[in-house]
Amino acid sequence: MVNRTIENKKLGVKATIKENLRQRDLEAFGESRAAETGVSASQSRGANVRAAINAAWFTELTPAMTAEQVGDQIPAVVRLLGDWIDKIYVELIEIPPE
């Protein structure tokens, strides 16, 4: 199970994604994310962070940022958050074996 909180003190990052995300939360994420398909890895990570912000997935996000401010972050911050969001998304849609 992917931890719902991530922290990297050297980058000054701490983020928590709310528990019990539902289909409506994934749809809101997907609506924001769908506008940015067929992009590079860096663009994809930024799109993940923007979509999670727009879909109100975060209960905590340091450094504080709006979706429009994602591009102003250092790349390592966006990579850390974007890859983590990707793992959480995959876990959410996984069908458990019977």
PDB file of N, CA and C in Angstrom:
ATOM      1  N   MET A   1       0.838  -1.181   0.000  1.00  0.00           N
ATOM      2  CA  MET A   1       0.000   0.000   0.000  1.00  0.00           C
ATOM      3  C   MET A   1       0.886   1.250   0.000  1.00  0.00           C
ATOM      4  N   VAL A   2       0.545   2.192  -0.869  1.00  0.00           N
ATOM      5  CA  VAL A   2       1.297   3.429  -0.985  1.00  0.00           C
ATOM      6  C   VAL A   2       0.900   4.342   0.175  1.00  0.00           C
ATOM      7  N   ASN A   3       1.898   4.909   0.839  1.00  0.00           N
ATOM      8  CA  ASN A   3       1.660   5.810   1.952  1.00  0.00           C
ATOM      9  C   ASN A   3       0.945   7.064   1.449  1.00  0.00           C
ATOM     10  N   ARG A   4      -0.047   7.526   2.174  1.00  0.00           N
ATOM     11  CA  ARG A   4      -0.814   8.716   1.771  1.00  0.00           C
ATOM     12  C   ARG A   4      -0.120  10.021   2.132  1.00  0.00           C
ATOM     13  N   THR A   5       1.018   9.929   2.815  1.00  0.00           N
ATOM     14  CA  THR A   5       1.822  11.113   3.109  1.00  0.00           C
ATOM     15  C   THR A   5       3.227  10.882   2.584  1.00  0.00           C
ATOM     16  N   ILE A   6       3.771  11.915   1.981  1.00  0.00           N
ATOM     17  CA  ILE A   6       5.145  11.862   1.490  1.00  0.00           C
ATOM     18  C   ILE A   6       5.870  13.085   2.037  1.00  0.00           C
ATOM     19  N   GLU A   7       7.138  12.881   2.377  1.00  0.00           N
ATOM     20  CA  GLU A   7       7.922  13.999   2.898  1.00  0.00           C
ATOM     21  C   GLU A   7       9.362  13.856   2.432  1.00  0.00           C
ATOM     22  N   ASN A   8       9.934  14.964   2.025  1.00  0.00           N
ATOM     23  CA  ASN A   8      11.347  15.038   1.690  1.00  0.00           C
ATOM     24  C   ASN A   8      11.862  16.345   2.276  1.00  0.00           C
ATOM     25  N   LYS A   9      12.570  16.231   3.380  1.00  0.00           N
ATOM     26  CA  LYS A   9      13.023  17.425   4.107  1.00  0.00           C
ATOM     27  C   LYS A   9      14.019  18.254   3.303  1.00  0.00           C
ATOM     28  N   LYS A  10      14.877  17.606   2.530  1.00  0.00           N
ATOM     29  CA  LYS A  10      15.848  18.356   1.734  1.00  0.00           C
ATOM     30  C   LYS A  10      15.154  19.231   0.692  1.00  0.00           C
ATOM     31  N   LEU A  11      14.050  18.745   0.147  1.00  0.00           N
ATOM     32  CA  LEU A  11      13.297  19.525  -0.832  1.00  0.00           C
ATOM     33  C   LEU A  11      12.271  20.445  -0.173  1.00  0.00           C
ATOM     34  N   GLY A  12      12.030  20.247   1.112  1.00  0.00           N
ATOM     35  CA  GLY A  12      11.020  21.050   1.799  1.00  0.00           C
ATOM     36  C   GLY A  12       9.608  20.671   1.402  1.00  0.00           C
ATOM     37  N   VAL A  13       9.417  19.369   1.103  1.00  0.00           N
ATOM     38  CA  VAL A  13       8.123  18.888   0.627  1.00  0.00           C
ATOM     39  C   VAL A  13       7.457  18.015   1.678  1.00  0.00           C
ATOM     40  N   LYS A  14       6.201  18.277   1.910  1.00  0.00           N
ATOM     41  CA  LYS A  14       5.362  17.379   2.689  1.00  0.00           C
ATOM     42  C   LYS A  14       3.966  17.474   2.098  1.00  0.00           C
ATOM     43  N   ALA A  15       3.401  16.332   1.782  1.00  0.00           N
ATOM     44  CA  ALA A  15       2.072  16.312   1.177  1.00  0.00           C
ATOM     45  C   ALA A  15       1.301  15.107   1.684  1.00  0.00           C
ATOM     46  N   THR A  16       0.018  15.309   1.842  1.00  0.00           N
ATOM     47  CA  THR A  16      -0.881  14.234   2.242  1.00  0.00           C
ATOM     48  C   THR A  16      -2.079  14.252   1.315  1.00  0.00           C
ATOM     49  N   ILE A  17      -2.427  13.085   0.836  1.00  0.00           N
ATOM     50  CA  ILE A  17      -3.626  12.930   0.005  1.00  0.00           C
ATOM     51  C   ILE A  17      -4.719  12.349   0.883  1.00  0.00           C
ATOM     52  N   LYS A  18      -5.920  12.894   0.734  1.00  0.00           N
ATOM     53  CA  LYS A  18      -7.022  12.474   1.593  1.00  0.00           C
ATOM     54  C   LYS A  18      -7.303  10.988   1.466  1.00  0.00           C
ATOM     55  N   GLU A  19      -7.750  10.416   2.564  1.00  0.00           N
ATOM     56  CA  GLU A  19      -8.128   9.006   2.598  1.00  0.00           C
ATOM     57  C   GLU A  19      -9.465   8.823   1.882  1.00  0.00           C
ATOM     58  N   ASN A  20      -9.738   7.612   1.499  1.00  0.00           N
ATOM     59  CA  ASN A  20     -11.043   7.244   0.945  1.00  0.00           C
ATOM     60  C   ASN A  20     -11.431   8.032  -0.298  1.00  0.00           C
ATOM     61  N   LEU A  21     -10.481   8.191  -1.208  1.00  0.00           N
ATOM     62  CA  LEU A  21     -10.838   8.805  -2.486  1.00  0.00           C
ATOM     63  C   LEU A  21     -11.879   7.928  -3.172  1.00  0.00           C
ATOM     64  N   ARG A  22     -12.813   8.541  -3.822  1.00  0.00           N
ATOM     65  CA  ARG A  22     -13.914   7.840  -4.485  1.00  0.00           C
ATOM     66  C   ARG A  22     -13.852   8.066  -5.991  1.00  0.00           C
ATOM     67  N   GLN A  23     -14.744   7.405  -6.690  1.00  0.00           N
ATOM     68  CA  GLN A  23     -14.799   7.526  -8.149  1.00  0.00           C
ATOM     69  C   GLN A  23     -14.926   8.987  -8.568  1.00  0.00           C
ATOM     70  N   ARG A  24     -15.733   9.766  -7.874  1.00  0.00           N
ATOM     71  CA  ARG A  24     -15.896  11.188  -8.234  1.00  0.00           C
ATOM     72  C   ARG A  24     -14.556  11.930  -8.151  1.00  0.00           C
ATOM     73  N   ASP A  25     -13.704  11.521  -7.196  1.00  0.00           N
ATOM     74  CA  ASP A  25     -12.393  12.151  -7.059  1.00  0.00           C
ATOM     75  C   ASP A  25     -11.492  11.794  -8.239  1.00  0.00           C
ATOM     76  N   LEU A  26     -11.568  10.538  -8.681  1.00  0.00           N
ATOM     77  CA  LEU A  26     -10.785  10.122  -9.843  1.00  0.00           C
ATOM     78  C   LEU A  26     -11.303  10.777 -11.111  1.00  0.00           C
ATOM     79  N   GLU A  27     -12.612  10.955 -11.207  1.00  0.00           N
ATOM     80  CA  GLU A  27     -13.182  11.628 -12.381  1.00  0.00           C
ATOM     81  C   GLU A  27     -12.746  13.086 -12.437  1.00  0.00           C
ATOM     82  N   ALA A  28     -12.723  13.751 -11.293  1.00  0.00           N
ATOM     83  CA  ALA A  28     -12.266  15.148 -11.249  1.00  0.00           C
ATOM     84  C   ALA A  28     -10.788  15.232 -11.630  1.00  0.00           C
ATOM     85  N   PHE A  29      -9.984  14.294 -11.128  1.00  0.00           N
ATOM     86  CA  PHE A  29      -8.572  14.216 -11.480  1.00  0.00           C
ATOM     87  C   PHE A  29      -8.434  13.980 -12.982  1.00  0.00           C
ATOM     88  N   GLY A  30      -9.179  13.006 -13.489  1.00  0.00           N
ATOM     89  CA  GLY A  30      -9.101  12.652 -14.905  1.00  0.00           C
ATOM     90  C   GLY A  30      -9.523  13.779 -15.831  1.00  0.00           C
ATOM     91  N   GLU A  31     -10.525  14.537 -15.416  1.00  0.00           N
ATOM     92  CA  GLU A  31     -10.978  15.664 -16.229  1.00  0.00           C
ATOM     93  C   GLU A  31      -9.866  16.691 -16.396  1.00  0.00           C
ATOM     94  N   SER A  32      -9.185  16.980 -15.320  1.00  0.00           N
ATOM     95  CA  SER A  32      -8.083  17.931 -15.376  1.00  0.00           C
ATOM     96  C   SER A  32      -6.891  17.334 -16.133  1.00  0.00           C
ATOM     97  N   ARG A  33      -6.633  16.063 -15.911  1.00  0.00           N
ATOM     98  CA  ARG A  33      -5.465  15.373 -16.484  1.00  0.00           C
ATOM     99  C   ARG A  33      -5.620  15.112 -17.977  1.00  0.00           C
ATOM    100  N   ALA A  34      -6.861  14.913 -18.431  1.00  0.00           N
ATOM    101  CA  ALA A  34      -7.123  14.543 -19.825  1.00  0.00           C
ATOM    102  C   ALA A  34      -6.652  15.601 -20.816  1.00  0.00           C
ATOM    103  N   ALA A  35      -6.591  16.823 -20.389  1.00  0.00           N
ATOM    104  CA  ALA A  35      -6.158  17.899 -21.277  1.00  0.00           C
ATOM    105  C   ALA A  35      -4.684  17.795 -21.631  1.00  0.00           C
ATOM    106  N   GLU A  36      -3.944  16.970 -20.907  1.00  0.00           N
ATOM    107  CA  GLU A  36      -2.493  16.899 -21.101  1.00  0.00           C
ATOM    108  C   GLU A  36      -2.034  15.471 -21.391  1.00  0.00           C
ATOM    109  N   THR A  37      -2.530  14.893 -22.456  1.00  0.00           N
ATOM    110  CA  THR A  37      -2.102  13.554 -22.841  1.00  0.00           C
ATOM    111  C   THR A  37      -1.040  13.636 -23.938  1.00  0.00           C
ATOM    112  N   GLY A  38      -0.278  12.574 -24.098  1.00  0.00           N
ATOM    113  CA  GLY A  38       0.744  12.529 -25.128  1.00  0.00           C
ATOM    114  C   GLY A  38       1.861  13.525 -24.900  1.00  0.00           C
ATOM    115  N   VAL A  39       2.300  13.639 -23.649  1.00  0.00           N
ATOM    116  CA  VAL A  39       3.324  14.624 -23.292  1.00  0.00           C
ATOM    117  C   VAL A  39       4.562  13.925 -22.744  1.00  0.00           C
ATOM    118  N   SER A  40       5.611  14.696 -22.523  1.00  0.00           N
ATOM    119  CA  SER A  40       6.853  14.144 -21.985  1.00  0.00           C
ATOM    120  C   SER A  40       6.671  13.733 -20.524  1.00  0.00           C
ATOM    121  N   ALA A  41       7.669  13.029 -19.985  1.00  0.00           N
ATOM    122  CA  ALA A  41       7.619  12.600 -18.582  1.00  0.00           C
ATOM    123  C   ALA A  41       7.511  13.805 -17.646  1.00  0.00           C
ATOM    124  N   SER A  42       8.268  14.857 -17.888  1.00  0.00           N
ATOM    125  CA  SER A  42       8.204  16.050 -17.047  1.00  0.00           C
ATOM    126  C   SER A  42       6.835  16.708 -17.122  1.00  0.00           C
ATOM    127  N   GLN A  43       6.291  16.788 -18.309  1.00  0.00           N
ATOM    128  CA  GLN A  43       4.958  17.370 -18.472  1.00  0.00           C
ATOM    129  C   GLN A  43       3.896  16.505 -17.798  1.00  0.00           C
ATOM    130  N   SER A  44       4.070  15.195 -17.888  1.00  0.00           N
ATOM    131  CA  SER A  44       3.124  14.270 -17.264  1.00  0.00           C
ATOM    132  C   SER A  44       3.125  14.409 -15.748  1.00  0.00           C
ATOM    133  N   ARG A  45       4.306  14.535 -15.169  1.00  0.00           N
ATOM    134  CA  ARG A  45       4.395  14.716 -13.712  1.00  0.00           C
ATOM    135  C   ARG A  45       3.731  16.025 -13.297  1.00  0.00           C
ATOM    136  N   GLY A  46       3.994  17.084 -14.029  1.00  0.00           N
ATOM    137  CA  GLY A  46       3.357  18.367 -13.745  1.00  0.00           C
ATOM    138  C   GLY A  46       1.844  18.273 -13.880  1.00  0.00           C
ATOM    139  N   ALA A  47       1.391  17.547 -14.900  1.00  0.00           N
ATOM    140  CA  ALA A  47      -0.046  17.363 -15.101  1.00  0.00           C
ATOM    141  C   ALA A  47      -0.664  16.604 -13.933  1.00  0.00           C
ATOM    142  N   ASN A  48       0.047  15.607 -13.419  1.00  0.00           N
ATOM    143  CA  ASN A  48      -0.446  14.865 -12.248  1.00  0.00           C
ATOM    144  C   ASN A  48      -0.626  15.787 -11.047  1.00  0.00           C
ATOM    145  N   VAL A  49       0.369  16.626 -10.797  1.00  0.00           N
ATOM    146  CA  VAL A  49       0.301  17.527  -9.637  1.00  0.00           C
ATOM    147  C   VAL A  49      -0.825  18.538  -9.828  1.00  0.00           C
ATOM    148  N   ARG A  50      -0.911  19.134 -11.018  1.00  0.00           N
ATOM    149  CA  ARG A  50      -1.986  20.100 -11.282  1.00  0.00           C
ATOM    150  C   ARG A  50      -3.358  19.450 -11.140  1.00  0.00           C
ATOM    151  N   ALA A  51      -3.502  18.240 -11.675  1.00  0.00           N
ATOM    152  CA  ALA A  51      -4.788  17.552 -11.608  1.00  0.00           C
ATOM    153  C   ALA A  51      -5.167  17.218 -10.172  1.00  0.00           C
ATOM    154  N   ALA A  52      -4.204  16.779  -9.371  1.00  0.00           N
ATOM    155  CA  ALA A  52      -4.487  16.462  -7.963  1.00  0.00           C
ATOM    156  C   ALA A  52      -4.876  17.729  -7.193  1.00  0.00           C
ATOM    157  N   ILE A  53      -4.235  18.843  -7.501  1.00  0.00           N
ATOM    158  CA  ILE A  53      -4.603  20.114  -6.865  1.00  0.00           C
ATOM    159  C   ILE A  53      -6.012  20.513  -7.296  1.00  0.00           C
ATOM    160  N   ASN A  54      -6.270  20.481  -8.600  1.00  0.00           N
ATOM    161  CA  ASN A  54      -7.587  20.873  -9.111  1.00  0.00           C
ATOM    162  C   ASN A  54      -8.705  19.985  -8.587  1.00  0.00           C
ATOM    163  N   ALA A  55      -8.405  18.704  -8.362  1.00  0.00           N
ATOM    164  CA  ALA A  55      -9.413  17.748  -7.882  1.00  0.00           C
ATOM    165  C   ALA A  55      -9.516  17.741  -6.356  1.00  0.00           C
ATOM    166  N   ALA A  56      -8.763  18.610  -5.700  1.00  0.00           N
ATOM    167  CA  ALA A  56      -8.781  18.739  -4.229  1.00  0.00           C
ATOM    168  C   ALA A  56      -8.409  17.439  -3.524  1.00  0.00           C
ATOM    169  N   TRP A  57      -7.386  16.758  -4.030  1.00  0.00           N
ATOM    170  CA  TRP A  57      -6.913  15.516  -3.409  1.00  0.00           C
ATOM    171  C   TRP A  57      -6.088  15.773  -2.157  1.00  0.00           C
ATOM    172  N   PHE A  58      -5.427  16.906  -2.062  1.00  0.00           N
ATOM    173  CA  PHE A  58      -4.505  17.148  -0.954  1.00  0.00           C
ATOM    174  C   PHE A  58      -5.215  17.653   0.292  1.00  0.00           C
ATOM    175  N   THR A  59      -4.823  17.091   1.437  1.00  0.00           N
ATOM    176  CA  THR A  59      -5.234  17.672   2.709  1.00  0.00           C
ATOM    177  C   THR A  59      -4.098  18.527   3.259  1.00  0.00           C
ATOM    178  N   GLU A  60      -2.907  18.303   2.736  1.00  0.00           N
ATOM    179  CA  GLU A  60      -1.718  19.074   3.119  1.00  0.00           C
ATOM    180  C   GLU A  60      -0.799  19.131   1.914  1.00  0.00           C
ATOM    181  N   LEU A  61      -0.233  20.293   1.657  1.00  0.00           N
ATOM    182  CA  LEU A  61       0.718  20.438   0.555  1.00  0.00           C
ATOM    183  C   LEU A  61       1.704  21.556   0.888  1.00  0.00           C
ATOM    184  N   THR A  62       2.946  21.161   1.107  1.00  0.00           N
ATOM    185  CA  THR A  62       4.037  22.091   1.360  1.00  0.00           C
ATOM    186  C   THR A  62       5.164  21.754   0.396  1.00  0.00           C
ATOM    187  N   PRO A  63       5.626  22.693  -0.393  1.00  0.00           N
ATOM    188  CA  PRO A  63       5.241  24.084  -0.381  1.00  0.00           C
ATOM    189  C   PRO A  63       3.826  24.267  -0.947  1.00  0.00           C
ATOM    190  N   ALA A  64       3.103  25.222  -0.381  1.00  0.00           N
ATOM    191  CA  ALA A  64       1.760  25.513  -0.871  1.00  0.00           C
ATOM    192  C   ALA A  64       1.861  26.009  -2.303  1.00  0.00           C
ATOM    193  N   MET A  65       0.951  25.528  -3.133  1.00  0.00           N
ATOM    194  CA  MET A  65       0.957  25.966  -4.529  1.00  0.00           C
ATOM    195  C   MET A  65      -0.420  25.768  -5.140  1.00  0.00           C
ATOM    196  N   THR A  66      -0.722  26.580  -6.120  1.00  0.00           N
ATOM    197  CA  THR A  66      -1.920  26.395  -6.922  1.00  0.00           C
ATOM    198  C   THR A  66      -1.519  25.589  -8.154  1.00  0.00           C
ATOM    199  N   ALA A  67      -2.500  25.153  -8.899  1.00  0.00           N
ATOM    200  CA  ALA A  67      -2.204  24.422 -10.139  1.00  0.00           C
ATOM    201  C   ALA A  67      -1.358  25.282 -11.080  1.00  0.00           C
ATOM    202  N   GLU A  68      -1.631  26.575 -11.097  1.00  0.00           N
ATOM    203  CA  GLU A  68      -0.892  27.481 -11.977  1.00  0.00           C
ATOM    204  C   GLU A  68       0.555  27.663 -11.528  1.00  0.00           C
ATOM    205  N   GLN A  69       0.855  27.393 -10.277  1.00  0.00           N
ATOM    206  CA  GLN A  69       2.204  27.584  -9.741  1.00  0.00           C
ATOM    207  C   GLN A  69       3.077  26.330  -9.829  1.00  0.00           C
ATOM    208  N   VAL A  70       2.521  25.227 -10.303  1.00  0.00           N
ATOM    209  CA  VAL A  70       3.301  23.985 -10.399  1.00  0.00           C
ATOM    210  C   VAL A  70       4.539  24.197 -11.272  1.00  0.00           C
ATOM    211  N   GLY A  71       4.391  24.901 -12.360  1.00  0.00           N
ATOM    212  CA  GLY A  71       5.514  25.147 -13.264  1.00  0.00           C
ATOM    213  C   GLY A  71       6.618  25.995 -12.664  1.00  0.00           C
ATOM    214  N   ASP A  72       6.332  26.679 -11.564  1.00  0.00           N
ATOM    215  CA  ASP A  72       7.332  27.508 -10.894  1.00  0.00           C
ATOM    216  C   ASP A  72       8.163  26.730  -9.876  1.00  0.00           C
ATOM    217  N   GLN A  73       7.814  25.475  -9.638  1.00  0.00           N
ATOM    218  CA  GLN A  73       8.527  24.647  -8.653  1.00  0.00           C
ATOM    219  C   GLN A  73       9.807  24.093  -9.269  1.00  0.00           C
ATOM    220  N   ILE A  74      10.758  23.696  -8.396  1.00  0.00           N
ATOM    221  CA  ILE A  74      11.950  23.041  -8.939  1.00  0.00           C
ATOM    222  C   ILE A  74      11.541  21.651  -9.445  1.00  0.00           C
ATOM    223  N   PRO A  75      12.172  21.173 -10.496  1.00  0.00           N
ATOM    224  CA  PRO A  75      11.767  19.910 -11.107  1.00  0.00           C
ATOM    225  C   PRO A  75      11.738  18.715 -10.152  1.00  0.00           C
ATOM    226  N   ALA A  76      12.652  18.664  -9.196  1.00  0.00           N
ATOM    227  CA  ALA A  76      12.681  17.524  -8.269  1.00  0.00           C
ATOM    228  C   ALA A  76      11.409  17.463  -7.421  1.00  0.00           C
ATOM    229  N   VAL A  77      10.850  18.615  -7.057  1.00  0.00           N
ATOM    230  CA  VAL A  77       9.607  18.647  -6.291  1.00  0.00           C
ATOM    231  C   VAL A  77       8.465  18.069  -7.118  1.00  0.00           C
ATOM    232  N   VAL A  78       8.380  18.489  -8.359  1.00  0.00           N
ATOM    233  CA  VAL A  78       7.308  18.010  -9.235  1.00  0.00           C
ATOM    234  C   VAL A  78       7.495  16.526  -9.538  1.00  0.00           C
ATOM    235  N   ARG A  79       8.731  16.093  -9.712  1.00  0.00           N
ATOM    236  CA  ARG A  79       8.982  14.664  -9.943  1.00  0.00           C
ATOM    237  C   ARG A  79       8.539  13.840  -8.742  1.00  0.00           C
ATOM    238  N   LEU A  80       8.941  14.262  -7.542  1.00  0.00           N
ATOM    239  CA  LEU A  80       8.575  13.541  -6.328  1.00  0.00           C
ATOM    240  C   LEU A  80       7.058  13.426  -6.204  1.00  0.00           C
ATOM    241  N   LEU A  81       6.365  14.550  -6.316  1.00  0.00           N
ATOM    242  CA  LEU A  81       4.911  14.546  -6.164  1.00  0.00           C
ATOM    243  C   LEU A  81       4.208  13.840  -7.317  1.00  0.00           C
ATOM    244  N   GLY A  82       4.635  14.112  -8.543  1.00  0.00           N
ATOM    245  CA  GLY A  82       3.982  13.517  -9.716  1.00  0.00           C
ATOM    246  C   GLY A  82       4.077  12.007  -9.749  1.00  0.00           C
ATOM    247  N   ASP A  83       5.255  11.465  -9.437  1.00  0.00           N
ATOM    248  CA  ASP A  83       5.429  10.006  -9.425  1.00  0.00           C
ATOM    249  C   ASP A  83       4.633   9.374  -8.285  1.00  0.00           C
ATOM    250  N   TRP A  84       4.593  10.035  -7.147  1.00  0.00           N
ATOM    251  CA  TRP A  84       3.836   9.533  -5.988  1.00  0.00           C
ATOM    252  C   TRP A  84       2.335   9.509  -6.295  1.00  0.00           C
ATOM    253  N   ILE A  85       1.834  10.558  -6.917  1.00  0.00           N
ATOM    254  CA  ILE A  85       0.417  10.610  -7.305  1.00  0.00           C
ATOM    255  C   ILE A  85       0.098   9.469  -8.271  1.00  0.00           C
ATOM    256  N   ASP A  86       1.003   9.217  -9.198  1.00  0.00           N
ATOM    257  CA  ASP A  86       0.823   8.123 -10.153  1.00  0.00           C
ATOM    258  C   ASP A  86       0.661   6.785  -9.427  1.00  0.00           C
ATOM    259  N   LYS A  87       1.503   6.526  -8.443  1.00  0.00           N
ATOM    260  CA  LYS A  87       1.434   5.267  -7.680  1.00  0.00           C
ATOM    261  C   LYS A  87       0.111   5.152  -6.925  1.00  0.00           C
ATOM    262  N   ILE A  88      -0.335   6.248  -6.341  1.00  0.00           N
ATOM    263  CA  ILE A  88      -1.604   6.226  -5.615  1.00  0.00           C
ATOM    264  C   ILE A  88      -2.754   5.956  -6.576  1.00  0.00           C
ATOM    265  N   TYR A  89      -2.744   6.592  -7.721  1.00  0.00           N
ATOM    266  CA  TYR A  89      -3.804   6.385  -8.715  1.00  0.00           C
ATOM    267  C   TYR A  89      -3.877   4.916  -9.128  1.00  0.00           C
ATOM    268  N   VAL A  90      -2.727   4.344  -9.446  1.00  0.00           N
ATOM    269  CA  VAL A  90      -2.685   2.935  -9.858  1.00  0.00           C
ATOM    270  C   VAL A  90      -3.231   2.035  -8.751  1.00  0.00           C
ATOM    271  N   GLU A  91      -2.849   2.313  -7.518  1.00  0.00           N
ATOM    272  CA  GLU A  91      -3.333   1.515  -6.389  1.00  0.00           C
ATOM    273  C   GLU A  91      -4.849   1.628  -6.236  1.00  0.00           C
ATOM    274  N   LEU A  92      -5.386   2.817  -6.443  1.00  0.00           N
ATOM    275  CA  LEU A  92      -6.824   3.034  -6.285  1.00  0.00           C
ATOM    276  C   LEU A  92      -7.661   2.223  -7.271  1.00  0.00           C
ATOM    277  N   ILE A  93      -7.159   2.043  -8.466  1.00  0.00           N
ATOM    278  CA  ILE A  93      -7.953   1.353  -9.487  1.00  0.00           C
ATOM    279  C   ILE A  93      -7.647  -0.141  -9.590  1.00  0.00           C
ATOM    280  N   GLU A  94      -6.721  -0.612  -8.764  1.00  0.00           N
ATOM    281  CA  GLU A  94      -6.354  -2.026  -8.789  1.00  0.00           C
ATOM    282  C   GLU A  94      -7.494  -2.894  -8.252  1.00  0.00           C
ATOM    283  N   ILE A  95      -7.799  -3.945  -8.968  1.00  0.00           N
ATOM    284  CA  ILE A  95      -8.831  -4.900  -8.543  1.00  0.00           C
ATOM    285  C   ILE A  95      -8.130  -5.992  -7.746  1.00  0.00           C
ATOM    286  N   PRO A  96      -8.522  -6.170  -6.495  1.00  0.00           N
ATOM    287  CA  PRO A  96      -7.856  -7.188  -5.668  1.00  0.00           C
ATOM    288  C   PRO A  96      -8.202  -8.602  -6.163  1.00  0.00           C
ATOM    289  N   PRO A  97      -7.236  -9.506  -6.060  1.00  0.00           N
ATOM    290  CA  PRO A  97      -7.521 -10.888  -6.461  1.00  0.00           C
ATOM    291  C   PRO A  97      -8.513 -11.530  -5.488  1.00  0.00           C
ATOM    292  N   GLU A  98      -9.248 -12.470  -5.996  1.00  0.00           N
ATOM    293  CA  GLU A  98     -10.201 -13.177  -5.125  1.00  0.00           C
ATOM    294  C   GLU A  98      -9.547 -14.361  -4.466  1.00  0.00           C
TER     295      GLU A  98
END
